[in-house]
């Protein structure tokens, strides 16, 4: 499918009115495009971007904040590294979790 067909399909799709929406915002392509789609297509009145630091690294968090400025958004930022390591990693190990496998 070419890009013109994709854009045309997006433009022709009817959407509900959106007042307030929360978005998991990482600064990546998906979440950045979601912000613009909510603004342009859904005419969202209020967008609440949420960024969570679970230990992905200082550079990634800084890049997310830089991209947020470009998008003119101010994500709610939560540092959950301690909870992630003390609670969730232990549970994942107990459940014999496997990432990407």
C-alpha atoms as a PDB file:
ATOM      1  CA  UNK A   1       0.000   0.000   0.000  1.00  0.00           C
ATOM      2  CA  UNK A   2       1.486   3.361  -0.925  1.00  0.00           C
ATOM      3  CA  UNK A   3       1.610   6.390   1.356  1.00  0.00           C
ATOM      4  CA  UNK A   4      -1.029   8.334  -0.615  1.00  0.00           C
ATOM      5  CA  UNK A   5      -3.578   5.573  -0.086  1.00  0.00           C
ATOM      6  CA  UNK A   6      -2.747   5.423   3.618  1.00  0.00           C
ATOM      7  CA  UNK A   7      -3.130   9.192   4.051  1.00  0.00           C
ATOM      8  CA  UNK A   8      -6.384   9.165   2.078  1.00  0.00           C
ATOM      9  CA  UNK A   9      -7.775   6.369   4.257  1.00  0.00           C
ATOM     10  CA  UNK A  10      -6.850   8.292   7.425  1.00  0.00           C
ATOM     11  CA  UNK A  11      -8.454  11.480   6.107  1.00  0.00           C
ATOM     12  CA  UNK A  12     -11.674   9.704   5.146  1.00  0.00           C
ATOM     13  CA  UNK A  13     -12.073   7.793   8.409  1.00  0.00           C
ATOM     14  CA  UNK A  14     -14.721   9.247  10.715  1.00  0.00           C
ATOM     15  CA  UNK A  15     -13.578   9.659  14.296  1.00  0.00           C
ATOM     16  CA  UNK A  16     -15.338  10.359  17.586  1.00  0.00           C
ATOM     17  CA  UNK A  17     -14.909  13.622  19.449  1.00  0.00           C
ATOM     18  CA  UNK A  18     -12.057  13.391  21.937  1.00  0.00           C
ATOM     19  CA  UNK A  19     -11.981  15.604  25.008  1.00  0.00           C
ATOM     20  CA  UNK A  20      -9.138  14.251  27.132  1.00  0.00           C
ATOM     21  CA  UNK A  21      -6.729  11.422  26.389  1.00  0.00           C
ATOM     22  CA  UNK A  22      -3.684   9.968  28.136  1.00  0.00           C
ATOM     23  CA  UNK A  23      -0.825   8.711  25.969  1.00  0.00           C
ATOM     24  CA  UNK A  24       2.189   6.625  26.951  1.00  0.00           C
ATOM     25  CA  UNK A  25       4.910   8.878  25.510  1.00  0.00           C
ATOM     26  CA  UNK A  26       8.425   7.551  24.899  1.00  0.00           C
ATOM     27  CA  UNK A  27       9.620  10.019  22.299  1.00  0.00           C
ATOM     28  CA  UNK A  28       9.688   7.248  19.724  1.00  0.00           C
ATOM     29  CA  UNK A  29       8.057   7.353  16.326  1.00  0.00           C
ATOM     30  CA  UNK A  30       4.815   5.656  17.417  1.00  0.00           C
ATOM     31  CA  UNK A  31       4.098   7.879  20.399  1.00  0.00           C
ATOM     32  CA  UNK A  32       5.169  11.045  18.567  1.00  0.00           C
ATOM     33  CA  UNK A  33       2.879  10.259  15.643  1.00  0.00           C
ATOM     34  CA  UNK A  34       0.087   9.466  18.096  1.00  0.00           C
ATOM     35  CA  UNK A  35       0.353  12.976  19.532  1.00  0.00           C
ATOM     36  CA  UNK A  36      -0.009  14.543  16.089  1.00  0.00           C
ATOM     37  CA  UNK A  37      -2.817  12.187  15.091  1.00  0.00           C
ATOM     38  CA  UNK A  38      -4.712  13.106  18.257  1.00  0.00           C
ATOM     39  CA  UNK A  39      -4.247  16.786  17.500  1.00  0.00           C
ATOM     40  CA  UNK A  40      -4.966  16.775  13.779  1.00  0.00           C
ATOM     41  CA  UNK A  41      -7.443  13.955  13.228  1.00  0.00           C
ATOM     42  CA  UNK A  42      -9.186  13.567  16.567  1.00  0.00           C
ATOM     43  CA  UNK A  43      -9.050  17.279  17.502  1.00  0.00           C
ATOM     44  CA  UNK A  44      -8.257  16.245  21.086  1.00  0.00           C
ATOM     45  CA  UNK A  45      -8.910  19.100  23.472  1.00  0.00           C
ATOM     46  CA  UNK A  46      -6.436  17.882  26.099  1.00  0.00           C
ATOM     47  CA  UNK A  47      -3.572  15.411  25.644  1.00  0.00           C
ATOM     48  CA  UNK A  48      -1.793  14.045  28.724  1.00  0.00           C
ATOM     49  CA  UNK A  49       1.508  12.480  27.638  1.00  0.00           C
ATOM     50  CA  UNK A  50       3.023  10.203  30.278  1.00  0.00           C
ATOM     51  CA  UNK A  51       6.678   9.141  30.346  1.00  0.00           C
ATOM     52  CA  UNK A  52       7.951   6.481  32.729  1.00  0.00           C
ATOM     53  CA  UNK A  53      11.628   5.896  33.454  1.00  0.00           C
ATOM     54  CA  UNK A  54      12.087   2.196  34.215  1.00  0.00           C
ATOM     55  CA  UNK A  55      15.824   2.256  33.711  1.00  0.00           C
ATOM     56  CA  UNK A  56      16.054   2.645  29.953  1.00  0.00           C
ATOM     57  CA  UNK A  57      19.006   4.990  30.301  1.00  0.00           C
ATOM     58  CA  UNK A  58      19.722   8.669  30.720  1.00  0.00           C
ATOM     59  CA  UNK A  59      20.280   9.265  26.994  1.00  0.00           C
ATOM     60  CA  UNK A  60      16.914   7.798  26.024  1.00  0.00           C
ATOM     61  CA  UNK A  61      15.092   9.856  28.648  1.00  0.00           C
ATOM     62  CA  UNK A  62      16.892  13.048  27.527  1.00  0.00           C
ATOM     63  CA  UNK A  63      16.030  12.323  23.878  1.00  0.00           C
ATOM     64  CA  UNK A  64      12.377  11.826  24.853  1.00  0.00           C
ATOM     65  CA  UNK A  65      12.352  15.219  26.567  1.00  0.00           C
ATOM     66  CA  UNK A  66      14.017  16.881  23.564  1.00  0.00           C
ATOM     67  CA  UNK A  67      11.398  15.477  21.199  1.00  0.00           C
ATOM     68  CA  UNK A  68       8.618  16.540  23.574  1.00  0.00           C
ATOM     69  CA  UNK A  69       9.807  20.145  23.244  1.00  0.00           C
ATOM     70  CA  UNK A  70       9.646  19.869  19.450  1.00  0.00           C
ATOM     71  CA  UNK A  71       6.052  18.611  19.760  1.00  0.00           C
ATOM     72  CA  UNK A  72       5.295  21.387  22.284  1.00  0.00           C
ATOM     73  CA  UNK A  73       4.136  18.953  24.952  1.00  0.00           C
ATOM     74  CA  UNK A  74       5.105  18.544  28.594  1.00  0.00           C
ATOM     75  CA  UNK A  75       4.880  14.881  29.550  1.00  0.00           C
ATOM     76  CA  UNK A  76       4.090  13.887  33.101  1.00  0.00           C
ATOM     77  CA  UNK A  77       7.324  12.167  34.151  1.00  0.00           C
ATOM     78  CA  UNK A  78       7.511   9.294  36.623  1.00  0.00           C
ATOM     79  CA  UNK A  79      10.780   7.776  37.825  1.00  0.00           C
ATOM     80  CA  UNK A  80       9.781   4.185  38.595  1.00  0.00           C
ATOM     81  CA  UNK A  81      13.231   2.580  38.381  1.00  0.00           C
ATOM     82  CA  UNK A  82      13.211   1.554  42.042  1.00  0.00           C
ATOM     83  CA  UNK A  83       9.733  -0.015  41.923  1.00  0.00           C
ATOM     84  CA  UNK A  84      10.517  -1.750  38.633  1.00  0.00           C
ATOM     85  CA  UNK A  85      13.691  -3.360  39.986  1.00  0.00           C
ATOM     86  CA  UNK A  86      12.370  -4.154  43.469  1.00  0.00           C
ATOM     87  CA  UNK A  87       8.897  -5.395  42.536  1.00  0.00           C
ATOM     88  CA  UNK A  88       8.393  -6.203  38.872  1.00  0.00           C
ATOM     89  CA  UNK A  89      11.690  -7.827  37.911  1.00  0.00           C
ATOM     90  CA  UNK A  90      11.349 -10.252  40.824  1.00  0.00           C
ATOM     91  CA  UNK A  91       7.821 -11.157  39.751  1.00  0.00           C
ATOM     92  CA  UNK A  92       8.968 -11.632  36.159  1.00  0.00           C
ATOM     93  CA  UNK A  93      11.696 -14.022  37.326  1.00  0.00           C
ATOM     94  CA  UNK A  94       9.224 -15.954  39.499  1.00  0.00           C
ATOM     95  CA  UNK A  95       6.895 -16.255  36.510  1.00  0.00           C
ATOM     96  CA  UNK A  96       9.774 -17.485  34.336  1.00  0.00           C
ATOM     97  CA  UNK A  97       9.180 -14.587  31.928  1.00  0.00           C
ATOM     98  CA  UNK A  98      10.991 -14.455  28.620  1.00  0.00           C
ATOM     99  CA  UNK A  99      11.451 -11.218  26.665  1.00  0.00           C
ATOM    100  CA  UNK A 100      11.445 -11.638  22.868  1.00  0.00           C
ATOM    101  CA  UNK A 101      11.561 -15.375  23.076  1.00  0.00           C
END
